[in-house]
Amino acid sequence: MTVRLEGTIKRWVGLSSDVKPALGLQADGSTITSADLPAGSSFMESDTGRIYRWDGASWTVSLPVDEQLYVLEAILSELKEFRQMVELAVSD
């Protein structure tokens, strides 16, 4: 099978107060089409760290920043416990 490119995503970066790109006529007079904004594209808010994904119809946030931190803290806690178990096993 020959490999072929199905599409390309686009990545935007801006502030949380900025208007995210959307299909249709923009405030600056330009027009954004579905080719300009393919599904899977992302918008990162540089001031909050939130990453939004375009699903072809709307922007949705991946995980809120506080939830991301909660997940990372849980992983770090598990790693600390695992390290302690390994150290105990090695010292015996």
N, C-alpha and C. Protein backbone atom coordinates (compact mmCIF):
# COMPACT_ATOMS: atom_id res chain seq x y z
N MET A 1 0.84 -1.18 0.00
CA MET A 1 0.00 0.00 0.00
C MET A 1 0.89 1.24 0.00
N THR A 2 0.50 2.19 -0.76
CA THR A 2 1.23 3.45 -0.81
C THR A 2 0.72 4.37 0.29
N VAL A 3 1.65 4.97 1.00
CA VAL A 3 1.28 5.91 2.05
C VAL A 3 0.86 7.23 1.41
N ARG A 4 -0.22 7.78 1.95
CA ARG A 4 -0.67 9.08 1.43
C ARG A 4 -1.12 9.96 2.59
N LEU A 5 -0.98 11.22 2.40
CA LEU A 5 -1.36 12.18 3.42
C LEU A 5 -2.87 12.39 3.38
N GLU A 6 -3.53 12.15 4.50
CA GLU A 6 -4.98 12.34 4.59
C GLU A 6 -5.34 13.80 4.86
N GLY A 7 -4.51 14.46 5.61
CA GLY A 7 -4.79 15.84 5.94
C GLY A 7 -3.72 16.37 6.87
N THR A 8 -3.75 17.63 7.13
CA THR A 8 -2.79 18.22 8.04
C THR A 8 -3.54 19.04 9.07
N ILE A 9 -3.05 18.99 10.28
CA ILE A 9 -3.65 19.82 11.33
C ILE A 9 -2.88 21.12 11.42
N LYS A 10 -3.50 22.08 12.04
CA LYS A 10 -2.86 23.37 12.24
C LYS A 10 -2.82 23.65 13.73
N ARG A 11 -1.82 24.41 14.14
CA ARG A 11 -1.66 24.74 15.56
C ARG A 11 -1.62 26.25 15.71
N TRP A 12 -2.44 26.74 16.62
CA TRP A 12 -2.46 28.16 16.93
C TRP A 12 -2.04 28.35 18.37
N VAL A 13 -1.47 29.51 18.67
CA VAL A 13 -1.12 29.91 20.03
C VAL A 13 -1.62 31.32 20.23
N GLY A 14 -2.27 31.56 21.36
CA GLY A 14 -2.76 32.89 21.66
C GLY A 14 -3.11 32.99 23.13
N LEU A 15 -3.62 34.11 23.52
CA LEU A 15 -4.06 34.32 24.90
C LEU A 15 -5.46 33.76 25.10
N SER A 16 -5.82 33.52 26.35
CA SER A 16 -7.16 33.00 26.63
C SER A 16 -8.23 34.03 26.25
N SER A 17 -7.86 35.30 26.21
CA SER A 17 -8.82 36.35 25.83
C SER A 17 -8.96 36.50 24.31
N ASP A 18 -8.08 35.85 23.55
CA ASP A 18 -8.16 35.92 22.09
C ASP A 18 -9.32 35.07 21.58
N VAL A 19 -9.89 35.49 20.46
CA VAL A 19 -10.94 34.72 19.82
C VAL A 19 -10.29 33.59 19.02
N LYS A 20 -10.73 32.37 19.28
CA LYS A 20 -10.18 31.22 18.57
C LYS A 20 -10.69 31.22 17.13
N PRO A 21 -9.89 30.72 16.19
CA PRO A 21 -10.33 30.66 14.79
C PRO A 21 -11.62 29.85 14.67
N ALA A 22 -12.48 30.26 13.77
CA ALA A 22 -13.73 29.55 13.54
C ALA A 22 -14.06 29.61 12.05
N LEU A 23 -14.90 28.71 11.62
CA LEU A 23 -15.29 28.69 10.21
C LEU A 23 -16.11 29.93 9.88
N GLY A 24 -15.88 30.46 8.71
CA GLY A 24 -16.66 31.61 8.24
C GLY A 24 -15.89 32.90 8.27
N LEU A 25 -16.63 33.99 8.17
CA LEU A 25 -16.06 35.33 8.10
C LEU A 25 -15.51 35.73 9.46
N GLN A 26 -14.29 36.25 9.47
CA GLN A 26 -13.64 36.67 10.71
C GLN A 26 -13.75 38.18 10.88
N ALA A 27 -13.43 38.65 12.08
CA ALA A 27 -13.51 40.08 12.39
C ALA A 27 -12.57 40.91 11.52
N ASP A 28 -11.46 40.31 11.10
CA ASP A 28 -10.50 41.06 10.28
C ASP A 28 -10.85 41.06 8.79
N GLY A 29 -11.99 40.45 8.44
CA GLY A 29 -12.44 40.43 7.06
C GLY A 29 -12.03 39.19 6.29
N SER A 30 -11.16 38.36 6.86
CA SER A 30 -10.75 37.12 6.20
C SER A 30 -11.82 36.04 6.40
N THR A 31 -11.75 35.01 5.58
CA THR A 31 -12.68 33.89 5.70
C THR A 31 -11.89 32.62 5.98
N ILE A 32 -12.34 31.86 6.97
CA ILE A 32 -11.70 30.58 7.30
C ILE A 32 -12.60 29.46 6.80
N THR A 33 -12.02 28.58 5.99
CA THR A 33 -12.76 27.43 5.46
C THR A 33 -12.35 26.17 6.23
N SER A 34 -13.03 25.06 5.95
CA SER A 34 -12.69 23.80 6.62
C SER A 34 -11.29 23.34 6.25
N ALA A 35 -10.79 23.75 5.09
CA ALA A 35 -9.40 23.42 4.71
C ALA A 35 -8.40 24.20 5.57
N ASP A 36 -8.81 25.39 6.02
CA ASP A 36 -7.95 26.21 6.88
C ASP A 36 -7.99 25.75 8.33
N LEU A 37 -9.05 25.03 8.70
CA LEU A 37 -9.26 24.62 10.08
C LEU A 37 -9.69 23.15 10.12
N PRO A 38 -8.77 22.23 9.78
CA PRO A 38 -9.12 20.81 9.75
C PRO A 38 -9.31 20.25 11.17
N ALA A 39 -10.17 19.24 11.27
CA ALA A 39 -10.40 18.56 12.56
C ALA A 39 -9.07 18.04 13.08
N GLY A 40 -8.86 18.18 14.40
CA GLY A 40 -7.61 17.76 15.01
C GLY A 40 -6.66 18.92 15.25
N SER A 41 -6.98 20.08 14.70
CA SER A 41 -6.14 21.26 14.91
C SER A 41 -6.22 21.67 16.38
N SER A 42 -5.23 22.44 16.83
CA SER A 42 -5.18 22.81 18.24
C SER A 42 -4.97 24.30 18.43
N PHE A 43 -5.39 24.78 19.59
CA PHE A 43 -5.17 26.16 20.01
C PHE A 43 -4.69 26.12 21.45
N MET A 44 -3.46 26.60 21.69
CA MET A 44 -2.92 26.63 23.04
C MET A 44 -2.99 28.05 23.58
N GLU A 45 -3.58 28.18 24.77
CA GLU A 45 -3.62 29.47 25.44
C GLU A 45 -2.29 29.64 26.17
N SER A 46 -1.48 30.56 25.72
CA SER A 46 -0.14 30.71 26.28
C SER A 46 -0.16 31.20 27.73
N ASP A 47 -1.23 31.86 28.15
CA ASP A 47 -1.28 32.36 29.52
C ASP A 47 -1.86 31.35 30.51
N THR A 48 -2.59 30.34 30.03
CA THR A 48 -3.17 29.35 30.94
C THR A 48 -2.60 27.95 30.74
N GLY A 49 -2.04 27.69 29.57
CA GLY A 49 -1.53 26.36 29.27
C GLY A 49 -2.59 25.40 28.76
N ARG A 50 -3.85 25.85 28.69
CA ARG A 50 -4.92 24.99 28.19
C ARG A 50 -4.75 24.74 26.69
N ILE A 51 -5.03 23.50 26.29
CA ILE A 51 -4.97 23.17 24.87
C ILE A 51 -6.37 22.76 24.41
N TYR A 52 -6.86 23.44 23.40
CA TYR A 52 -8.17 23.15 22.82
C TYR A 52 -7.97 22.41 21.51
N ARG A 53 -8.88 21.48 21.21
CA ARG A 53 -8.85 20.73 19.95
C ARG A 53 -10.11 21.05 19.16
N TRP A 54 -9.92 21.22 17.86
CA TRP A 54 -11.04 21.48 16.96
C TRP A 54 -11.55 20.13 16.46
N ASP A 55 -12.83 19.83 16.68
CA ASP A 55 -13.39 18.54 16.26
C ASP A 55 -14.11 18.62 14.92
N GLY A 56 -13.99 19.75 14.26
CA GLY A 56 -14.66 19.96 12.98
C GLY A 56 -15.87 20.86 13.12
N ALA A 57 -16.32 21.05 14.36
CA ALA A 57 -17.48 21.91 14.59
C ALA A 57 -17.27 22.89 15.74
N SER A 58 -16.46 22.52 16.73
CA SER A 58 -16.25 23.39 17.88
C SER A 58 -14.92 23.08 18.56
N TRP A 59 -14.48 24.01 19.41
CA TRP A 59 -13.26 23.82 20.19
C TRP A 59 -13.62 23.18 21.53
N THR A 60 -12.87 22.16 21.91
CA THR A 60 -13.06 21.54 23.22
C THR A 60 -11.71 21.45 23.92
N VAL A 61 -11.71 21.68 25.22
CA VAL A 61 -10.47 21.65 25.99
C VAL A 61 -10.12 20.20 26.29
N SER A 62 -8.84 19.86 26.17
CA SER A 62 -8.40 18.49 26.42
C SER A 62 -8.65 18.11 27.87
N LEU A 63 -7.89 18.64 28.76
CA LEU A 63 -8.08 18.48 30.20
C LEU A 63 -7.80 19.83 30.83
N PRO A 64 -8.64 20.28 31.74
CA PRO A 64 -8.32 21.53 32.42
C PRO A 64 -6.96 21.43 33.10
N VAL A 65 -6.28 22.54 33.21
CA VAL A 65 -4.93 22.56 33.78
C VAL A 65 -4.91 21.95 35.17
N ASP A 66 -5.90 22.27 36.02
CA ASP A 66 -5.89 21.73 37.38
C ASP A 66 -6.07 20.22 37.37
N GLU A 67 -6.82 19.66 36.41
CA GLU A 67 -6.95 18.21 36.31
C GLU A 67 -5.65 17.59 35.83
N GLN A 68 -4.96 18.26 34.92
CA GLN A 68 -3.67 17.75 34.46
C GLN A 68 -2.70 17.68 35.63
N LEU A 69 -2.69 18.72 36.46
CA LEU A 69 -1.80 18.73 37.62
C LEU A 69 -2.18 17.62 38.60
N TYR A 70 -3.47 17.39 38.79
CA TYR A 70 -3.93 16.32 39.68
C TYR A 70 -3.43 14.97 39.18
N VAL A 71 -3.54 14.72 37.88
CA VAL A 71 -3.08 13.46 37.29
C VAL A 71 -1.58 13.32 37.47
N LEU A 72 -0.83 14.39 37.20
CA LEU A 72 0.63 14.33 37.36
C LEU A 72 1.03 14.08 38.81
N GLU A 73 0.34 14.72 39.75
CA GLU A 73 0.64 14.49 41.16
C GLU A 73 0.36 13.05 41.56
N ALA A 74 -0.71 12.47 41.05
CA ALA A 74 -1.04 11.08 41.35
C ALA A 74 0.03 10.14 40.80
N ILE A 75 0.50 10.42 39.58
CA ILE A 75 1.55 9.59 38.97
C ILE A 75 2.83 9.69 39.78
N LEU A 76 3.20 10.91 40.18
CA LEU A 76 4.41 11.09 40.99
C LEU A 76 4.31 10.36 42.32
N SER A 77 3.16 10.39 42.93
CA SER A 77 2.95 9.68 44.19
C SER A 77 3.14 8.17 44.00
N GLU A 78 2.57 7.63 42.93
CA GLU A 78 2.73 6.21 42.63
C GLU A 78 4.20 5.86 42.38
N LEU A 79 4.91 6.71 41.68
CA LEU A 79 6.33 6.46 41.40
C LEU A 79 7.15 6.48 42.69
N LYS A 80 6.83 7.39 43.60
CA LYS A 80 7.54 7.44 44.88
C LYS A 80 7.33 6.15 45.66
N GLU A 81 6.09 5.68 45.70
CA GLU A 81 5.79 4.43 46.41
C GLU A 81 6.52 3.25 45.75
N PHE A 82 6.53 3.21 44.45
CA PHE A 82 7.22 2.14 43.72
C PHE A 82 8.71 2.18 44.02
N ARG A 83 9.29 3.37 44.02
CA ARG A 83 10.72 3.50 44.31
C ARG A 83 11.03 2.99 45.71
N GLN A 84 10.19 3.33 46.67
CA GLN A 84 10.40 2.86 48.04
C GLN A 84 10.34 1.33 48.12
N MET A 85 9.42 0.72 47.39
CA MET A 85 9.32 -0.75 47.38
C MET A 85 10.56 -1.36 46.76
N VAL A 86 11.06 -0.78 45.69
CA VAL A 86 12.27 -1.29 45.04
C VAL A 86 13.46 -1.16 45.97
N GLU A 87 13.58 -0.01 46.64
CA GLU A 87 14.70 0.19 47.56
C GLU A 87 14.64 -0.81 48.71
N LEU A 88 13.45 -1.09 49.22
CA LEU A 88 13.32 -2.08 50.29
C LEU A 88 13.69 -3.48 49.80
N ALA A 89 13.27 -3.81 48.61
CA ALA A 89 13.58 -5.14 48.04
C ALA A 89 15.07 -5.31 47.81
N VAL A 90 15.73 -4.25 47.36
CA VAL A 90 17.17 -4.31 47.08
C VAL A 90 17.97 -4.40 48.38
N SER A 91 17.50 -3.72 49.42
CA SER A 91 18.25 -3.70 50.68
C SER A 91 18.12 -5.00 51.47
N ASP A 92 17.15 -5.84 51.15
CA ASP A 92 16.97 -7.12 51.87
C ASP A 92 17.94 -8.16 51.44
